[in-house]
Amino acid sequence: MRRPRLALTLSIGMGLVLAACASPSGSHRESAGGQPSVPAAQSELPAASQAASQPAGSGGEAPALANGPWTGGHGQTTISGALSYATDAPITIDVSLTQDGETILAYNTDQAFVSIFIRSIGQTPFVASVTTNDWDAESRTCQLSYARADDHEIDGSFSCTVDRLTWMNADPQPTGTITLEGSFSATR
C-alpha cells in the first residue's frame, strides 16, 4: 500500500517542480523588430515577503482564475525615484492569458514591455516588470489591491520598490531607490 502512495507523491512533486521551472518570469531579450519581446524563463529569486490587500474571501492569496485569454483592459505604470518613466497602454491580447494557475497580463507600447504576473500556486504571487531598450526593472515586493479579481475581470493597483534593475547599456546607471506603481485591468 505504501508503494503506490509513494509513487503518486513523487509523481505529483516532480510535476509541480517541472511546472515551476517552466513558468515565465523576469528575463527579457530584445526582438528583431526593435520592440521588447515576451519574457523568457528565468531562475526564481528567493521569495520576498509580500503585503497584499485582497477582496473579501481571498485569504490574502492570489486569485485562482480560469484558464483562457484576456481580451480587453488597460495598464498604466509610473517609475519614479532614481529612474523616471511612465507607460499607458491597452492590454496586449496575443500574450495575455491564464494557464494552470498563472496569469500574465501584458501592456506593450512601442518603447516598453510591461508585464504583470499573478500566480495562484507556487512561486511569488505577484510580479511587476517594465522593460525598455535601455533597462529592465522588476519587483516581487509589492503592496497590491484588487478592486475585482474573478474569471471575468481583473482590476487592481500596486506600489512596489524595484528589487532588480538590469541595464542593457553601460550609461547612465542610477543609484538609489526606484519605485514602480501602477494600475491594471483585464477582461475576457
C-alpha atoms as a PDB file:
ATOM      1  CA  MET A   1       0.000   0.000   0.000  1.00  0.00           C
ATOM      2  CA  ARG A   2       2.878   2.384   0.709  1.00  0.00           C
ATOM      3  CA  ARG A   3       4.498   1.980  -2.721  1.00  0.00           C
ATOM      4  CA  PRO A   4       1.542   3.313  -4.750  1.00  0.00           C
ATOM      5  CA  ARG A   5       1.216   6.304  -2.421  1.00  0.00           C
ATOM      6  CA  LEU A   6       4.950   6.996  -2.581  1.00  0.00           C
ATOM      7  CA  ALA A   7       4.932   6.756  -6.393  1.00  0.00           C
ATOM      8  CA  LEU A   8       1.911   9.068  -6.597  1.00  0.00           C
ATOM      9  CA  THR A   9       3.503  11.571  -4.196  1.00  0.00           C
ATOM     10  CA  LEU A  10       6.771  11.576  -6.166  1.00  0.00           C
ATOM     11  CA  SER A  11       4.893  11.990  -9.472  1.00  0.00           C
ATOM     12  CA  ILE A  12       2.906  14.953  -8.175  1.00  0.00           C
ATOM     13  CA  GLY A  13       6.029  16.519  -6.652  1.00  0.00           C
ATOM     14  CA  MET A  14       8.000  16.209  -9.887  1.00  0.00           C
ATOM     15  CA  GLY A  15       5.070  17.688 -11.841  1.00  0.00           C
ATOM     16  CA  LEU A  16       4.999  20.723  -9.546  1.00  0.00           C
ATOM     17  CA  VAL A  17       8.777  21.194  -9.832  1.00  0.00           C
ATOM     18  CA  LEU A  18       8.610  20.977 -13.640  1.00  0.00           C
ATOM     19  CA  ALA A  19       5.693  23.419 -13.773  1.00  0.00           C
ATOM     20  CA  ALA A  20       7.574  25.902 -11.569  1.00  0.00           C
ATOM     21  CA  CYS A  21      10.680  25.662 -13.747  1.00  0.00           C
ATOM     22  CA  ALA A  22       8.700  26.240 -16.935  1.00  0.00           C
ATOM     23  CA  SER A  23       6.866  29.373 -15.801  1.00  0.00           C
ATOM     24  CA  PRO A  24       7.817  32.778 -17.294  1.00  0.00           C
ATOM     25  CA  SER A  25       9.331  35.471 -15.125  1.00  0.00           C
ATOM     26  CA  GLY A  26      11.522  38.438 -15.477  1.00  0.00           C
ATOM     27  CA  SER A  27      14.258  37.954 -18.056  1.00  0.00           C
ATOM     28  CA  HIS A  28      13.693  39.854 -21.304  1.00  0.00           C
ATOM     29  CA  ARG A  29      15.504  39.964 -24.616  1.00  0.00           C
ATOM     30  CA  GLU A  30      15.320  42.468 -27.480  1.00  0.00           C
ATOM     31  CA  SER A  31      13.370  41.290 -30.520  1.00  0.00           C
ATOM     32  CA  ALA A  32      14.495  41.899 -34.098  1.00  0.00           C
ATOM     33  CA  GLY A  33      11.738  44.486 -34.605  1.00  0.00           C
ATOM     34  CA  GLY A  34      13.245  46.901 -32.061  1.00  0.00           C
ATOM     35  CA  GLN A  35      10.479  46.279 -29.524  1.00  0.00           C
ATOM     36  CA  PRO A  36      10.899  44.382 -26.282  1.00  0.00           C
ATOM     37  CA  SER A  37       9.929  40.744 -26.612  1.00  0.00           C
ATOM     38  CA  VAL A  38       7.928  38.367 -24.432  1.00  0.00           C
ATOM     39  CA  PRO A  39       9.743  37.420 -21.209  1.00  0.00           C
ATOM     40  CA  ALA A  40      11.874  34.269 -21.236  1.00  0.00           C
ATOM     41  CA  ALA A  41      12.125  31.827 -18.347  1.00  0.00           C
ATOM     42  CA  GLN A  42      14.482  32.819 -15.544  1.00  0.00           C
ATOM     43  CA  SER A  43      15.531  31.127 -12.340  1.00  0.00           C
ATOM     44  CA  GLU A  44      13.484  32.234  -9.384  1.00  0.00           C
ATOM     45  CA  LEU A  45      14.945  34.578  -6.801  1.00  0.00           C
ATOM     46  CA  PRO A  46      14.183  33.772  -3.172  1.00  0.00           C
ATOM     47  CA  ALA A  47      10.578  34.641  -2.449  1.00  0.00           C
ATOM     48  CA  ALA A  48      10.251  38.002  -0.769  1.00  0.00           C
ATOM     49  CA  SER A  49       7.602  38.835   1.763  1.00  0.00           C
ATOM     50  CA  GLN A  50       4.560  40.457   0.209  1.00  0.00           C
ATOM     51  CA  ALA A  51       1.859  42.507   1.834  1.00  0.00           C
ATOM     52  CA  ALA A  52      -1.389  42.491  -0.088  1.00  0.00           C
ATOM     53  CA  SER A  53      -4.929  43.602   0.430  1.00  0.00           C
ATOM     54  CA  GLN A  54      -7.295  41.295  -1.400  1.00  0.00           C
ATOM     55  CA  PRO A  55     -11.051  41.192  -1.954  1.00  0.00           C
ATOM     56  CA  ALA A  56     -13.103  39.646   0.837  1.00  0.00           C
ATOM     57  CA  GLY A  57     -12.810  35.882   0.966  1.00  0.00           C
ATOM     58  CA  SER A  58      -9.468  35.625  -0.817  1.00  0.00           C
ATOM     59  CA  GLY A  59      -7.443  34.934   2.330  1.00  0.00           C
ATOM     60  CA  GLY A  60      -4.542  37.142   1.217  1.00  0.00           C
ATOM     61  CA  GLU A  61      -3.693  34.775  -1.652  1.00  0.00           C
ATOM     62  CA  ALA A  62      -3.573  35.479  -5.377  1.00  0.00           C
ATOM     63  CA  PRO A  63      -6.948  34.872  -7.040  1.00  0.00           C
ATOM     64  CA  ALA A  64      -7.465  31.494  -8.711  1.00  0.00           C
ATOM     65  CA  LEU A  65      -8.540  32.307 -12.275  1.00  0.00           C
ATOM     66  CA  ALA A  66      -9.898  30.041 -15.020  1.00  0.00           C
ATOM     67  CA  ASN A  67      -7.648  29.193 -17.976  1.00  0.00           C
ATOM     68  CA  GLY A  68      -8.086  31.301 -21.080  1.00  0.00           C
ATOM     69  CA  PRO A  69      -7.149  34.552 -22.817  1.00  0.00           C
ATOM     70  CA  TRP A  70      -7.712  38.107 -21.576  1.00  0.00           C
ATOM     71  CA  THR A  71      -9.033  40.180 -24.470  1.00  0.00           C
ATOM     72  CA  GLY A  72      -9.579  43.682 -23.088  1.00  0.00           C
ATOM     73  CA  GLY A  73      -8.164  46.008 -20.470  1.00  0.00           C
ATOM     74  CA  HIS A  74      -5.673  48.767 -19.824  1.00  0.00           C
ATOM     75  CA  GLY A  75      -2.470  49.288 -17.828  1.00  0.00           C
ATOM     76  CA  GLN A  76      -0.618  52.326 -16.518  1.00  0.00           C
ATOM     77  CA  THR A  77       2.772  52.313 -14.795  1.00  0.00           C
ATOM     78  CA  THR A  78       4.955  55.024 -13.339  1.00  0.00           C
ATOM     79  CA  ILE A  79       8.582  54.602 -12.325  1.00  0.00           C
ATOM     80  CA  SER A  80       9.993  57.257 -10.018  1.00  0.00           C
ATOM     81  CA  GLY A  81      12.956  57.888  -7.763  1.00  0.00           C
ATOM     82  CA  ALA A  82      16.422  57.228  -9.211  1.00  0.00           C
ATOM     83  CA  LEU A  83      14.778  56.400 -12.568  1.00  0.00           C
ATOM     84  CA  SER A  84      11.801  58.142 -14.186  1.00  0.00           C
ATOM     85  CA  TYR A  85       9.452  56.592 -16.762  1.00  0.00           C
ATOM     86  CA  ALA A  86       5.714  56.209 -17.451  1.00  0.00           C
ATOM     87  CA  THR A  87       3.585  53.949 -19.655  1.00  0.00           C
ATOM     88  CA  ASP A  88      -0.091  53.898 -20.587  1.00  0.00           C
ATOM     89  CA  ALA A  89      -1.306  51.128 -22.908  1.00  0.00           C
ATOM     90  CA  PRO A  90      -4.155  48.762 -23.735  1.00  0.00           C
ATOM     91  CA  ILE A  91      -3.720  45.072 -22.972  1.00  0.00           C
ATOM     92  CA  THR A  92      -1.680  43.093 -25.497  1.00  0.00           C
ATOM     93  CA  ILE A  93      -4.112  40.302 -26.280  1.00  0.00           C
ATOM     94  CA  ASP A  94      -1.783  37.846 -28.042  1.00  0.00           C
ATOM     95  CA  VAL A  95       0.225  37.162 -24.839  1.00  0.00           C
ATOM     96  CA  SER A  96      -2.244  37.933 -22.014  1.00  0.00           C
ATOM     97  CA  LEU A  97      -3.693  34.714 -20.613  1.00  0.00           C
ATOM     98  CA  THR A  98      -4.221  32.450 -17.631  1.00  0.00           C
ATOM     99  CA  GLN A  99      -2.846  28.928 -17.791  1.00  0.00           C
ATOM    100  CA  ASP A 100      -2.641  26.422 -14.914  1.00  0.00           C
ATOM    101  CA  GLY A 101      -2.757  28.915 -12.041  1.00  0.00           C
ATOM    102  CA  GLU A 102      -0.511  31.522 -13.649  1.00  0.00           C
ATOM    103  CA  THR A 103      -1.744  34.721 -15.281  1.00  0.00           C
ATOM    104  CA  ILE A 104       0.359  37.037 -17.421  1.00  0.00           C
ATOM    105  CA  LEU A 105      -1.053  40.409 -18.387  1.00  0.00           C
ATOM    106  CA  ALA A 106       1.000  42.365 -20.946  1.00  0.00           C
ATOM    107  CA  TYR A 107       0.667  46.056 -21.803  1.00  0.00           C
ATOM    108  CA  ASN A 108       3.109  46.751 -24.655  1.00  0.00           C
ATOM    109  CA  THR A 109       3.970  50.108 -26.213  1.00  0.00           C
ATOM    110  CA  ASP A 110       6.477  50.987 -28.925  1.00  0.00           C
ATOM    111  CA  GLN A 111       9.006  51.877 -26.214  1.00  0.00           C
ATOM    112  CA  ALA A 112       8.263  49.406 -23.406  1.00  0.00           C
ATOM    113  CA  PHE A 113       7.030  45.963 -22.492  1.00  0.00           C
ATOM    114  CA  VAL A 114       5.045  45.889 -19.236  1.00  0.00           C
ATOM    115  CA  SER A 115       4.111  42.566 -17.674  1.00  0.00           C
ATOM    116  CA  ILE A 116       2.098  41.640 -14.612  1.00  0.00           C
ATOM    117  CA  PHE A 117       2.323  38.066 -13.277  1.00  0.00           C
ATOM    118  CA  ILE A 118      -0.365  36.740 -10.932  1.00  0.00           C
ATOM    119  CA  ARG A 119       0.259  33.223  -9.604  1.00  0.00           C
ATOM    120  CA  SER A 120      -2.258  31.300  -7.517  1.00  0.00           C
ATOM    121  CA  ILE A 121       0.083  28.339  -6.951  1.00  0.00           C
ATOM    122  CA  GLY A 122       3.776  28.144  -6.040  1.00  0.00           C
ATOM    123  CA  GLN A 123       6.271  30.973  -6.579  1.00  0.00           C
ATOM    124  CA  THR A 124       5.809  34.664  -5.832  1.00  0.00           C
ATOM    125  CA  PRO A 125       2.089  35.564  -6.131  1.00  0.00           C
ATOM    126  CA  PHE A 126       2.618  38.961  -7.858  1.00  0.00           C
ATOM    127  CA  VAL A 127       5.441  40.328 -10.035  1.00  0.00           C
ATOM    128  CA  ALA A 128       5.510  43.633 -11.942  1.00  0.00           C
ATOM    129  CA  SER A 129       8.080  44.263 -14.681  1.00  0.00           C
ATOM    130  CA  VAL A 130       8.883  47.058 -17.174  1.00  0.00           C
ATOM    131  CA  THR A 131      11.435  46.548 -19.962  1.00  0.00           C
ATOM    132  CA  THR A 132      12.732  49.204 -22.361  1.00  0.00           C
ATOM    133  CA  ASN A 133      15.604  49.113 -24.846  1.00  0.00           C
ATOM    134  CA  ASP A 134      17.901  50.505 -22.124  1.00  0.00           C
ATOM    135  CA  TRP A 135      16.866  48.711 -18.915  1.00  0.00           C
ATOM    136  CA  ASP A 136      14.654  46.112 -17.246  1.00  0.00           C
ATOM    137  CA  ALA A 137      13.076  46.849 -13.837  1.00  0.00           C
ATOM    138  CA  GLU A 138      11.253  44.206 -11.798  1.00  0.00           C
ATOM    139  CA  SER A 139       9.659  43.952  -8.386  1.00  0.00           C
ATOM    140  CA  ARG A 140       8.447  40.978  -6.369  1.00  0.00           C
ATOM    141  CA  THR A 141       7.749  43.018  -3.235  1.00  0.00           C
ATOM    142  CA  CYS A 142       4.572  44.977  -3.879  1.00  0.00           C
ATOM    143  CA  GLN A 143       1.652  46.399  -1.980  1.00  0.00           C
ATOM    144  CA  LEU A 144      -1.298  45.128  -4.015  1.00  0.00           C
ATOM    145  CA  SER A 145      -5.006  45.873  -4.027  1.00  0.00           C
ATOM    146  CA  TYR A 146      -7.725  44.267  -6.162  1.00  0.00           C
ATOM    147  CA  ALA A 147     -10.982  46.142  -6.791  1.00  0.00           C
ATOM    148  CA  ARG A 148     -12.131  42.992  -8.609  1.00  0.00           C
ATOM    149  CA  ALA A 149     -10.464  39.675  -9.410  1.00  0.00           C
ATOM    150  CA  ASP A 150     -12.576  36.900 -10.890  1.00  0.00           C
ATOM    151  CA  ASP A 151     -12.853  34.854 -14.080  1.00  0.00           C
ATOM    152  CA  HIS A 152     -14.461  37.742 -15.980  1.00  0.00           C
ATOM    153  CA  GLU A 153     -12.473  40.783 -14.859  1.00  0.00           C
ATOM    154  CA  ILE A 154      -9.319  41.786 -13.006  1.00  0.00           C
ATOM    155  CA  ASP A 155      -8.948  45.343 -11.734  1.00  0.00           C
ATOM    156  CA  GLY A 156      -6.035  46.169  -9.458  1.00  0.00           C
ATOM    157  CA  SER A 157      -3.344  48.606  -8.425  1.00  0.00           C
ATOM    158  CA  PHE A 158       0.125  48.161  -6.980  1.00  0.00           C
ATOM    159  CA  SER A 159       3.054  50.013  -5.452  1.00  0.00           C
ATOM    160  CA  CYS A 160       6.488  48.384  -5.390  1.00  0.00           C
ATOM    161  CA  THR A 161      10.119  49.049  -4.651  1.00  0.00           C
ATOM    162  CA  VAL A 162      12.166  47.776  -7.608  1.00  0.00           C
ATOM    163  CA  ASP A 163      14.296  44.886  -6.385  1.00  0.00           C
ATOM    164  CA  ARG A 164      16.021  44.047  -9.693  1.00  0.00           C
ATOM    165  CA  LEU A 165      17.307  46.546 -12.266  1.00  0.00           C
ATOM    166  CA  THR A 166      19.288  45.341 -15.289  1.00  0.00           C
ATOM    167  CA  TRP A 167      20.954  47.735 -17.737  1.00  0.00           C
ATOM    168  CA  MET A 168      21.261  46.862 -21.417  1.00  0.00           C
ATOM    169  CA  ASN A 169      23.934  49.570 -21.858  1.00  0.00           C
ATOM    170  CA  ALA A 170      26.620  50.972 -19.554  1.00  0.00           C
ATOM    171  CA  ASP A 171      25.479  54.594 -19.184  1.00  0.00           C
ATOM    172  CA  PRO A 172      23.860  56.082 -17.157  1.00  0.00           C
ATOM    173  CA  GLN A 173      23.150  53.781 -14.246  1.00  0.00           C
ATOM    174  CA  PRO A 174      21.138  55.446 -11.468  1.00  0.00           C
ATOM    175  CA  THR A 175      21.734  54.791  -7.813  1.00  0.00           C
ATOM    176  CA  GLY A 176      19.081  54.968  -5.149  1.00  0.00           C
ATOM    177  CA  THR A 177      15.587  53.683  -4.593  1.00  0.00           C
ATOM    178  CA  ILE A 178      13.284  53.156  -7.563  1.00  0.00           C
ATOM    179  CA  THR A 179       9.507  52.927  -7.105  1.00  0.00           C
ATOM    180  CA  LEU A 180       7.192  51.169  -9.572  1.00  0.00           C
ATOM    181  CA  GLU A 181       3.483  51.983  -9.264  1.00  0.00           C
ATOM    182  CA  GLY A 182       0.545  51.292 -11.486  1.00  0.00           C
ATOM    183  CA  SER A 183      -2.944  50.113 -12.203  1.00  0.00           C
ATOM    184  CA  PHE A 184      -4.121  47.335 -14.477  1.00  0.00           C
ATOM    185  CA  SER A 185      -7.346  45.859 -15.765  1.00  0.00           C
ATOM    186  CA  ALA A 186      -8.198  42.830 -17.864  1.00  0.00           C
ATOM    187  CA  THR A 187     -11.473  41.428 -19.175  1.00  0.00           C
ATOM    188  CA  ARG A 188     -12.480  38.284 -21.033  1.00  0.00           C
END
